[in-house]
Amino acid sequence: MKFFRDSQKDESLVQRVMVGILEGVKHIHGLGIAHRDIKPDNIVMSSHDRNGAIPKLIDFGLSKVFHIEELSSEAYGTLAFVSPEIVLGMKHNKQTDVWSLGVLLFIMLSNTIPFLSKN
């Protein structure tokens, strides 16, 4: 997400972009789809105009359609962004994307990854 690396953090811009990303995730979750690899590299902006750019979620290569109450035990995603359930090999559902969204928001506001420890 080069869009955020180039300048001082503007919380109102982060808020607007995050709302757009959340709306996209809400839409795909409503269709039963989990993205399963939400990270800065999989978010692009529709333009370079900071005031009018719309965030777009890309790369659905690891996505999965979850049926109602279905759980998965597949390991997938980028380690810095996956939920604890996945790291621990536990069953999970499309809500695991919510963890990745939290990590994404942390990065957009701080320009650092929240969990850098090897443990």
Protein backbone atom coordinates (compact mmCIF):
# COMPACT_ATOMS: atom_id res chain seq x y z
CA MET A 1 0.00 0.00 0.00
CA LYS A 2 2.43 2.59 -1.26
CA PHE A 3 -0.44 5.06 -0.86
CA PHE A 4 0.41 5.27 2.86
CA ARG A 5 4.19 4.97 2.76
CA ASP A 6 4.78 8.28 1.04
CA SER A 7 3.60 10.80 3.58
CA GLN A 8 2.73 11.63 7.16
CA LYS A 9 -0.21 9.62 8.49
CA ASP A 10 -3.51 11.41 8.12
CA GLU A 11 -6.01 9.73 10.44
CA SER A 12 -9.01 10.96 8.45
CA LEU A 13 -7.50 9.45 5.28
CA VAL A 14 -6.79 6.17 7.09
CA GLN A 15 -10.37 6.18 8.39
CA ARG A 16 -11.85 6.76 4.93
CA VAL A 17 -9.70 4.08 3.33
CA MET A 18 -10.35 1.59 6.12
CA VAL A 19 -14.11 2.13 5.84
CA GLY A 20 -13.84 1.35 2.11
CA ILE A 21 -11.89 -1.82 2.82
CA LEU A 22 -14.39 -2.85 5.52
CA GLU A 23 -17.28 -2.32 3.11
CA GLY A 24 -15.57 -4.59 0.59
CA VAL A 25 -14.94 -7.29 3.17
CA LYS A 26 -18.51 -7.00 4.43
CA HIS A 27 -19.71 -7.53 0.87
CA ILE A 28 -17.62 -10.64 0.22
CA HIS A 29 -18.43 -12.06 3.67
CA GLY A 30 -22.12 -11.53 2.86
CA LEU A 31 -21.54 -13.79 -0.15
CA GLY A 32 -19.90 -16.35 2.13
CA ILE A 33 -16.39 -15.63 0.81
CA ALA A 34 -13.34 -15.28 3.04
CA HIS A 35 -10.39 -13.50 1.41
CA ARG A 36 -7.85 -15.24 3.68
CA ASP A 37 -4.88 -13.06 2.68
CA ILE A 38 -5.72 -9.48 3.60
CA LYS A 39 -2.49 -7.49 3.72
CA PRO A 40 -1.17 -4.19 2.31
CA ASP A 41 0.06 -5.85 -0.90
CA ASN A 42 -3.51 -6.97 -1.63
CA ILE A 43 -5.04 -3.49 -1.36
CA VAL A 44 -4.78 -1.10 -4.29
CA MET A 45 -6.20 2.37 -4.69
CA SER A 46 -8.31 3.36 -7.69
CA SER A 47 -6.18 6.47 -8.28
CA HIS A 48 -3.36 8.55 -6.82
CA ASP A 49 -5.84 11.22 -5.73
CA ARG A 50 -5.85 10.99 -1.93
CA ASN A 51 -9.29 12.61 -1.70
CA GLY A 52 -11.08 10.51 -4.28
CA ALA A 53 -9.24 7.19 -4.36
CA ILE A 54 -11.24 4.08 -3.57
CA PRO A 55 -9.53 1.05 -2.00
CA LYS A 56 -9.85 -2.21 -3.89
CA LEU A 57 -9.22 -5.67 -2.44
CA ILE A 58 -7.29 -7.84 -4.90
CA ASP A 59 -5.76 -11.34 -5.18
CA PHE A 60 -8.46 -13.81 -4.27
CA GLY A 61 -6.13 -16.75 -4.93
CA LEU A 62 -6.42 -18.04 -1.34
CA SER A 63 -10.09 -17.15 -0.89
CA LYS A 64 -12.65 -19.75 0.10
CA VAL A 65 -16.42 -19.94 0.01
CA PHE A 66 -17.67 -20.90 3.45
CA HIS A 67 -21.09 -22.44 3.82
CA ILE A 68 -23.14 -21.54 6.90
CA GLU A 69 -21.34 -22.65 10.07
CA GLU A 70 -18.56 -24.31 8.02
CA LEU A 71 -15.12 -24.36 9.58
CA SER A 72 -11.75 -24.91 7.95
CA SER A 73 -8.46 -26.16 9.31
CA GLU A 74 -6.39 -25.25 6.24
CA ALA A 75 -3.30 -23.16 6.94
CA TYR A 76 -3.03 -20.23 4.55
CA GLY A 77 -2.11 -16.56 4.29
CA THR A 78 0.87 -14.42 5.16
CA LEU A 79 2.19 -15.19 8.63
CA ALA A 80 2.33 -11.58 9.89
CA PHE A 81 -1.38 -11.18 9.07
CA VAL A 82 -3.01 -14.51 9.94
CA SER A 83 -5.12 -14.97 13.04
CA PRO A 84 -3.94 -16.96 16.08
CA GLU A 85 -6.42 -19.71 15.19
CA ILE A 86 -4.58 -20.37 11.95
CA VAL A 87 -1.14 -20.22 13.55
CA LEU A 88 -2.29 -22.72 16.19
CA GLY A 89 -3.86 -25.05 13.61
CA MET A 90 -7.35 -24.53 15.00
CA LYS A 91 -10.57 -24.53 13.00
CA HIS A 92 -11.68 -21.11 11.75
CA ASN A 93 -14.18 -19.44 9.45
CA LYS A 94 -14.42 -16.29 7.35
CA GLN A 95 -14.22 -14.17 10.51
CA THR A 96 -10.48 -14.81 10.54
CA ASP A 97 -10.29 -11.93 8.04
CA VAL A 98 -11.20 -9.59 10.91
CA TRP A 99 -7.82 -10.25 12.58
CA SER A 100 -6.04 -9.40 9.33
CA LEU A 101 -8.04 -6.17 9.09
CA GLY A 102 -6.85 -5.20 12.57
CA VAL A 103 -3.23 -5.82 11.59
CA LEU A 104 -3.77 -3.81 8.42
CA LEU A 105 -5.19 -0.87 10.39
CA PHE A 106 -2.27 -1.01 12.83
CA ILE A 107 0.18 -0.84 9.92
CA MET A 108 -1.66 2.04 8.25
CA LEU A 109 -1.48 4.08 11.45
CA SER A 110 1.99 3.15 12.68
CA ASN A 111 3.89 2.04 9.55
CA THR A 112 5.13 -1.00 11.46
CA ILE A 113 4.04 -4.61 11.86
CA PRO A 114 2.53 -5.29 15.31
CA PHE A 115 4.11 -8.69 15.96
CA LEU A 116 7.81 -8.75 15.13
CA SER A 117 8.88 -11.32 17.73
CA LYS A 118 10.06 -14.71 16.50
CA ASN A 119 7.95 -16.21 19.30
